[in-house]
Amino acid sequence: MSVASERVVVERLLQGGMVVSTLLFLGGMLAASSEGRITPRGLPLFAIAAAAHDGNAGHVGEAVAAMGVLVLAATPVVRVLALAWLWARERDFRFMWISLAVAAVLAFSILSGKG
């Protein structure tokens, strides 16, 4: 894979993450508004899926909007992992290990946050 095509892959990952995040967030806001909530409340990271699937209809919009924010937060992690994979294919192991370390720090930061 050429350097130009690798850049296109990374660019498409970032664009795709942004589009999916925006659609989820807007859909969640619309659903929250139709549920009678003008502004969704924050949900803890591990409660997002439960709020979307629990029996309480009234929190689905909040959960979908929170998933949009989660996708937006995960997009840089996916980008770093894609770069690690591309560098491993090129046998540039120094940059591969550095990018895996960065991905680990990002994942730790997301998972250890309050909430």
N, C-alpha and C. Protein backbone atom coordinates (compact mmCIF):
# COMPACT_ATOMS: atom_id res chain seq x y z
N MET A 1 0.85 -1.17 0.00
CA MET A 1 0.00 0.00 0.00
C MET A 1 0.90 1.23 0.00
N SER A 2 0.61 2.18 -0.85
CA SER A 2 1.44 3.37 -0.94
C SER A 2 1.11 4.33 0.20
N VAL A 3 2.01 5.28 0.41
CA VAL A 3 1.82 6.26 1.48
C VAL A 3 0.57 7.08 1.23
N ALA A 4 0.30 7.43 -0.02
CA ALA A 4 -0.89 8.22 -0.34
C ALA A 4 -2.16 7.45 -0.03
N SER A 5 -2.20 6.16 -0.36
CA SER A 5 -3.39 5.39 -0.08
C SER A 5 -3.57 5.13 1.42
N GLU A 6 -2.45 5.05 2.15
CA GLU A 6 -2.54 4.92 3.61
C GLU A 6 -3.15 6.16 4.22
N ARG A 7 -2.77 7.31 3.72
CA ARG A 7 -3.34 8.56 4.22
C ARG A 7 -4.84 8.62 3.94
N VAL A 8 -5.24 8.10 2.81
CA VAL A 8 -6.67 8.07 2.47
C VAL A 8 -7.42 7.18 3.44
N VAL A 9 -6.85 6.04 3.81
CA VAL A 9 -7.50 5.14 4.77
C VAL A 9 -7.70 5.85 6.10
N VAL A 10 -6.67 6.50 6.60
CA VAL A 10 -6.75 7.20 7.88
C VAL A 10 -7.75 8.35 7.78
N GLU A 11 -7.72 9.07 6.67
CA GLU A 11 -8.66 10.18 6.47
C GLU A 11 -10.10 9.69 6.46
N ARG A 12 -10.35 8.58 5.78
CA ARG A 12 -11.71 8.02 5.73
C ARG A 12 -12.18 7.54 7.10
N LEU A 13 -11.27 6.99 7.90
CA LEU A 13 -11.63 6.59 9.26
C LEU A 13 -12.08 7.79 10.08
N LEU A 14 -11.34 8.89 9.98
CA LEU A 14 -11.71 10.09 10.73
C LEU A 14 -13.03 10.67 10.24
N GLN A 15 -13.21 10.72 8.92
CA GLN A 15 -14.46 11.24 8.37
C GLN A 15 -15.63 10.35 8.75
N GLY A 16 -15.44 9.05 8.65
CA GLY A 16 -16.51 8.12 9.00
C GLY A 16 -16.91 8.23 10.46
N GLY A 17 -15.93 8.33 11.34
CA GLY A 17 -16.22 8.50 12.76
C GLY A 17 -17.00 9.77 13.03
N MET A 18 -16.62 10.83 12.35
CA MET A 18 -17.32 12.11 12.53
C MET A 18 -18.76 12.04 12.03
N VAL A 19 -18.97 11.43 10.87
CA VAL A 19 -20.32 11.32 10.30
C VAL A 19 -21.20 10.45 11.20
N VAL A 20 -20.71 9.29 11.60
CA VAL A 20 -21.49 8.39 12.46
C VAL A 20 -21.80 9.07 13.78
N SER A 21 -20.82 9.74 14.36
CA SER A 21 -21.03 10.44 15.62
C SER A 21 -22.09 11.53 15.49
N THR A 22 -22.00 12.31 14.43
CA THR A 22 -22.97 13.39 14.22
C THR A 22 -24.37 12.84 14.04
N LEU A 23 -24.51 11.79 13.24
CA LEU A 23 -25.84 11.20 13.02
C LEU A 23 -26.42 10.63 14.31
N LEU A 24 -25.61 9.94 15.09
CA LEU A 24 -26.08 9.40 16.36
C LEU A 24 -26.48 10.52 17.32
N PHE A 25 -25.65 11.55 17.41
CA PHE A 25 -25.95 12.64 18.33
C PHE A 25 -27.23 13.37 17.93
N LEU A 26 -27.35 13.70 16.65
CA LEU A 26 -28.56 14.39 16.20
C LEU A 26 -29.80 13.51 16.36
N GLY A 27 -29.67 12.22 16.02
CA GLY A 27 -30.78 11.30 16.21
C GLY A 27 -31.17 11.19 17.66
N GLY A 28 -30.19 11.15 18.54
CA GLY A 28 -30.47 11.10 19.98
C GLY A 28 -31.13 12.36 20.48
N MET A 29 -30.69 13.49 19.98
CA MET A 29 -31.32 14.75 20.38
C MET A 29 -32.78 14.81 19.91
N LEU A 30 -33.02 14.37 18.68
CA LEU A 30 -34.40 14.34 18.19
C LEU A 30 -35.26 13.37 18.99
N ALA A 31 -34.72 12.20 19.29
CA ALA A 31 -35.47 11.22 20.08
C ALA A 31 -35.71 11.74 21.50
N ALA A 32 -34.72 12.40 22.09
CA ALA A 32 -34.89 12.95 23.43
C ALA A 32 -35.96 14.05 23.43
N SER A 33 -35.97 14.86 22.37
CA SER A 33 -36.99 15.90 22.27
C SER A 33 -38.38 15.30 22.13
N SER A 34 -38.49 14.22 21.35
CA SER A 34 -39.80 13.58 21.19
C SER A 34 -40.23 12.86 22.45
N GLU A 35 -39.29 12.53 23.33
CA GLU A 35 -39.60 11.91 24.61
C GLU A 35 -39.94 12.95 25.67
N GLY A 36 -39.90 14.21 25.28
CA GLY A 36 -40.21 15.28 26.23
C GLY A 36 -39.01 15.85 26.93
N ARG A 37 -37.83 15.50 26.50
CA ARG A 37 -36.60 16.02 27.11
C ARG A 37 -35.93 16.96 26.11
N ILE A 38 -35.73 18.19 26.53
CA ILE A 38 -35.10 19.15 25.63
C ILE A 38 -33.60 18.94 25.59
N THR A 39 -32.99 18.74 26.72
CA THR A 39 -31.55 18.48 26.77
C THR A 39 -31.31 17.17 27.50
N PRO A 40 -30.65 16.23 26.87
CA PRO A 40 -30.39 14.95 27.53
C PRO A 40 -29.41 15.11 28.68
N ARG A 41 -29.59 14.31 29.71
CA ARG A 41 -28.66 14.32 30.84
C ARG A 41 -27.47 13.44 30.50
N GLY A 42 -26.40 13.61 31.20
CA GLY A 42 -25.22 12.78 30.96
C GLY A 42 -25.43 11.37 31.47
N LEU A 43 -24.85 10.42 30.80
CA LEU A 43 -24.91 9.02 31.22
C LEU A 43 -23.50 8.51 31.45
N PRO A 44 -23.30 7.70 32.50
CA PRO A 44 -21.98 7.08 32.69
C PRO A 44 -21.65 6.17 31.51
N LEU A 45 -20.36 6.01 31.24
CA LEU A 45 -19.89 5.25 30.09
C LEU A 45 -20.52 3.87 30.01
N PHE A 46 -20.52 3.13 31.11
CA PHE A 46 -20.99 1.76 31.07
C PHE A 46 -22.50 1.63 31.19
N ALA A 47 -23.20 2.75 31.35
CA ALA A 47 -24.66 2.72 31.44
C ALA A 47 -25.33 3.05 30.11
N ILE A 48 -24.56 3.38 29.10
CA ILE A 48 -25.13 3.80 27.82
C ILE A 48 -25.93 2.68 27.17
N ALA A 49 -25.32 1.51 27.03
CA ALA A 49 -26.03 0.39 26.39
C ALA A 49 -27.22 -0.05 27.22
N ALA A 50 -27.09 -0.05 28.54
CA ALA A 50 -28.20 -0.45 29.39
C ALA A 50 -29.37 0.52 29.27
N ALA A 51 -29.08 1.81 29.16
CA ALA A 51 -30.15 2.80 29.03
C ALA A 51 -30.85 2.67 27.70
N ALA A 52 -30.14 2.23 26.67
CA ALA A 52 -30.76 2.07 25.36
C ALA A 52 -31.64 0.83 25.30
N HIS A 53 -31.36 -0.17 26.13
CA HIS A 53 -32.08 -1.43 26.04
C HIS A 53 -32.99 -1.72 27.24
N ASP A 54 -33.00 -0.83 28.24
CA ASP A 54 -33.84 -1.13 29.40
C ASP A 54 -35.32 -0.89 29.10
N GLY A 55 -36.16 -1.23 30.02
CA GLY A 55 -37.60 -1.11 29.80
C GLY A 55 -38.12 0.31 29.91
N ASN A 56 -37.31 1.24 30.36
CA ASN A 56 -37.76 2.62 30.50
C ASN A 56 -37.64 3.34 29.17
N ALA A 57 -38.80 3.44 28.48
CA ALA A 57 -38.77 4.18 27.22
C ALA A 57 -38.63 5.63 27.61
N GLY A 58 -37.97 6.47 27.39
CA GLY A 58 -37.81 7.81 27.84
C GLY A 58 -36.35 8.14 27.97
N HIS A 59 -35.52 7.11 27.90
CA HIS A 59 -34.09 7.34 28.01
C HIS A 59 -33.35 6.88 26.76
N VAL A 60 -34.07 6.45 25.77
CA VAL A 60 -33.42 5.96 24.54
C VAL A 60 -32.71 7.10 23.83
N GLY A 61 -33.35 8.25 23.73
CA GLY A 61 -32.72 9.40 23.08
C GLY A 61 -31.44 9.81 23.76
N GLU A 62 -31.45 9.81 25.08
CA GLU A 62 -30.25 10.15 25.83
C GLU A 62 -29.12 9.16 25.54
N ALA A 63 -29.49 7.88 25.48
CA ALA A 63 -28.48 6.85 25.23
C ALA A 63 -27.91 6.95 23.81
N VAL A 64 -28.76 7.24 22.84
CA VAL A 64 -28.28 7.36 21.46
C VAL A 64 -27.36 8.58 21.32
N ALA A 65 -27.73 9.70 21.95
CA ALA A 65 -26.87 10.89 21.91
C ALA A 65 -25.54 10.60 22.60
N ALA A 66 -25.58 9.86 23.71
CA ALA A 66 -24.35 9.50 24.42
C ALA A 66 -23.48 8.58 23.56
N MET A 67 -24.13 7.68 22.79
CA MET A 67 -23.35 6.82 21.88
C MET A 67 -22.64 7.66 20.82
N GLY A 68 -23.28 8.73 20.36
CA GLY A 68 -22.64 9.63 19.40
C GLY A 68 -21.38 10.25 19.98
N VAL A 69 -21.46 10.67 21.24
CA VAL A 69 -20.29 11.25 21.90
C VAL A 69 -19.22 10.17 22.09
N LEU A 70 -19.64 8.95 22.43
CA LEU A 70 -18.70 7.84 22.60
C LEU A 70 -17.98 7.51 21.30
N VAL A 71 -18.71 7.49 20.19
CA VAL A 71 -18.08 7.24 18.88
C VAL A 71 -17.08 8.35 18.56
N LEU A 72 -17.44 9.59 18.87
CA LEU A 72 -16.52 10.70 18.63
C LEU A 72 -15.25 10.56 19.47
N ALA A 73 -15.39 10.11 20.71
CA ALA A 73 -14.22 9.92 21.57
C ALA A 73 -13.38 8.73 21.12
N ALA A 74 -14.01 7.71 20.55
CA ALA A 74 -13.29 6.51 20.13
C ALA A 74 -12.58 6.68 18.79
N THR A 75 -12.98 7.66 18.01
CA THR A 75 -12.41 7.85 16.67
C THR A 75 -10.89 8.03 16.70
N PRO A 76 -10.32 8.85 17.59
CA PRO A 76 -8.85 8.96 17.61
C PRO A 76 -8.16 7.64 17.98
N VAL A 77 -8.79 6.86 18.86
CA VAL A 77 -8.20 5.57 19.24
C VAL A 77 -8.15 4.65 18.02
N VAL A 78 -9.23 4.62 17.25
CA VAL A 78 -9.28 3.80 16.04
C VAL A 78 -8.24 4.28 15.04
N ARG A 79 -8.07 5.58 14.93
CA ARG A 79 -7.07 6.13 14.02
C ARG A 79 -5.67 5.68 14.41
N VAL A 80 -5.36 5.75 15.69
CA VAL A 80 -4.03 5.35 16.16
C VAL A 80 -3.81 3.86 15.92
N LEU A 81 -4.85 3.05 16.16
CA LEU A 81 -4.72 1.61 15.90
C LEU A 81 -4.54 1.32 14.41
N ALA A 82 -5.22 2.06 13.57
CA ALA A 82 -5.06 1.89 12.12
C ALA A 82 -3.63 2.25 11.70
N LEU A 83 -3.10 3.31 12.27
CA LEU A 83 -1.71 3.68 11.96
C LEU A 83 -0.75 2.60 12.45
N ALA A 84 -1.01 2.03 13.62
CA ALA A 84 -0.14 0.95 14.12
C ALA A 84 -0.17 -0.23 13.16
N TRP A 85 -1.35 -0.58 12.68
CA TRP A 85 -1.48 -1.69 11.72
C TRP A 85 -0.73 -1.37 10.42
N LEU A 86 -0.87 -0.15 9.92
CA LEU A 86 -0.18 0.23 8.68
C LEU A 86 1.33 0.20 8.88
N TRP A 87 1.80 0.69 10.02
CA TRP A 87 3.24 0.68 10.27
C TRP A 87 3.76 -0.74 10.46
N ALA A 88 2.96 -1.62 11.04
CA ALA A 88 3.38 -3.02 11.17
C ALA A 88 3.51 -3.67 9.80
N ARG A 89 2.60 -3.34 8.90
CA ARG A 89 2.69 -3.88 7.53
C ARG A 89 3.94 -3.40 6.83
N GLU A 90 4.36 -2.17 7.14
CA GLU A 90 5.58 -1.61 6.53
C GLU A 90 6.84 -2.04 7.29
N ARG A 91 6.66 -2.81 8.35
CA ARG A 91 7.75 -3.27 9.21
C ARG A 91 8.49 -2.12 9.88
N ASP A 92 7.75 -1.06 10.17
CA ASP A 92 8.30 0.07 10.93
C ASP A 92 7.84 -0.10 12.38
N PHE A 93 8.52 -1.02 13.07
CA PHE A 93 8.06 -1.46 14.38
C PHE A 93 8.22 -0.41 15.45
N ARG A 94 9.15 0.50 15.30
CA ARG A 94 9.31 1.55 16.30
C ARG A 94 8.05 2.40 16.36
N PHE A 95 7.57 2.87 15.20
CA PHE A 95 6.34 3.67 15.19
C PHE A 95 5.12 2.84 15.55
N MET A 96 5.13 1.57 15.21
CA MET A 96 4.01 0.70 15.58
C MET A 96 3.89 0.64 17.10
N TRP A 97 5.00 0.40 17.80
CA TRP A 97 4.96 0.29 19.26
C TRP A 97 4.60 1.62 19.91
N ILE A 98 5.11 2.71 19.35
CA ILE A 98 4.76 4.03 19.88
C ILE A 98 3.26 4.28 19.74
N SER A 99 2.70 3.95 18.58
CA SER A 99 1.27 4.19 18.37
C SER A 99 0.42 3.26 19.25
N LEU A 100 0.88 2.04 19.49
CA LEU A 100 0.15 1.14 20.41
C LEU A 100 0.18 1.68 21.84
N ALA A 101 1.31 2.28 22.22
CA ALA A 101 1.39 2.89 23.55
C ALA A 101 0.44 4.08 23.66
N VAL A 102 0.38 4.88 22.61
CA VAL A 102 -0.55 6.02 22.59
C VAL A 102 -1.99 5.52 22.67
N ALA A 103 -2.32 4.47 21.94
CA ALA A 103 -3.67 3.90 21.98
C ALA A 103 -3.99 3.38 23.38
N ALA A 104 -3.03 2.78 24.03
CA ALA A 104 -3.25 2.29 25.40
C ALA A 104 -3.52 3.44 26.36
N VAL A 105 -2.77 4.53 26.22
CA VAL A 105 -3.00 5.70 27.07
C VAL A 105 -4.38 6.30 26.80
N LEU A 106 -4.76 6.41 25.55
CA LEU A 106 -6.08 6.93 25.22
C LEU A 106 -7.19 6.04 25.77
N ALA A 107 -7.06 4.74 25.59
CA ALA A 107 -8.07 3.82 26.10
C ALA A 107 -8.15 3.88 27.62
N PHE A 108 -7.01 3.92 28.29
CA PHE A 108 -6.99 4.03 29.75
C PHE A 108 -7.68 5.32 30.19
N SER A 109 -7.40 6.41 29.50
CA SER A 109 -8.00 7.70 29.86
C SER A 109 -9.51 7.66 29.73
N ILE A 110 -10.00 7.05 28.65
CA ILE A 110 -11.45 6.97 28.44
C ILE A 110 -12.10 6.07 29.48
N LEU A 111 -11.50 4.92 29.72
CA LEU A 111 -12.11 3.94 30.62
C LEU A 111 -11.98 4.31 32.09
N SER A 112 -10.99 5.09 32.46
CA SER A 112 -10.80 5.42 33.87
C SER A 112 -11.44 6.74 34.26
N GLY A 113 -12.11 7.40 33.33
CA GLY A 113 -12.77 8.66 33.64
C GLY A 113 -13.90 8.49 34.63
N LYS A 114 -14.24 9.55 35.30
CA LYS A 114 -15.33 9.52 36.27
C LYS A 114 -16.65 9.38 35.53
N GLY A 115 -17.56 8.61 36.10
CA GLY A 115 -18.90 8.50 35.52
C GLY A 115 -19.21 7.22 35.00
